[in-house]
Protein backbone atom coordinates (compact mmCIF):
# COMPACT_ATOMS: atom_id res chain seq x y z
CA MET A 1 112.06 126.74 86.47
CA GLN A 2 112.22 123.22 84.67
CA LEU A 3 113.39 119.54 86.78
CA THR A 4 116.02 117.03 86.54
CA LYS A 5 114.94 113.40 84.69
CA ASN A 6 115.63 112.24 89.07
CA GLU A 7 113.59 115.31 90.25
CA LEU A 8 110.48 115.07 87.74
CA LEU A 9 110.51 110.55 89.12
CA THR A 10 110.38 110.85 91.80
CA VAL A 11 107.34 114.06 92.00
CA LYS A 12 104.00 112.32 94.50
CA GLY A 13 100.57 113.24 94.26
CA GLY A 14 97.03 112.85 92.84
CA GLY A 15 95.15 110.48 95.43
CA ILE A 16 92.95 112.46 95.29
CA GLY A 17 91.26 112.86 92.13
CA LEU A 18 92.03 108.71 92.05
CA ILE A 19 89.96 108.24 94.96
CA ALA A 20 87.46 110.74 94.58
CA GLY A 21 86.93 108.97 90.98
CA ILE A 22 85.88 105.75 91.94
CA GLY A 23 83.88 107.17 95.10
CA ALA A 24 82.54 108.49 92.07
CA ILE A 25 81.24 105.55 89.63
CA LEU A 26 80.42 103.60 93.05
CA THR A 27 77.78 106.05 93.64
CA PHE A 28 77.08 106.10 90.40
CA LEU A 29 76.34 102.20 90.14
CA ILE A 30 75.01 101.81 93.38
CA GLY A 31 72.19 104.27 91.98
CA VAL A 32 71.73 102.51 88.64
CA ILE A 33 71.11 99.47 90.71
CA ASP A 34 68.97 100.96 93.34
CA GLY A 35 66.93 102.36 90.57
CA TYR A 36 66.30 99.13 88.54
CA LEU A 37 65.99 97.64 91.21
CA ARG A 38 63.57 99.54 93.20
CA PRO A 39 62.18 101.95 90.77
CA LEU A 40 60.64 105.10 91.80
CA LYS A 41 57.08 107.10 89.79
CA CYS A 42 57.62 110.45 89.13
CA ASN A 43 55.06 112.92 90.84
């Protein structure tokens, strides 16, 4: 099945991946900042 040019332009989706990517980056940055400000020794 092939879509026409107009159909391709109206396809919606991909918002979940963008939200998950932003969440992953924020989590990583918070971890780096927390590790820098509050370093803990390994047991």
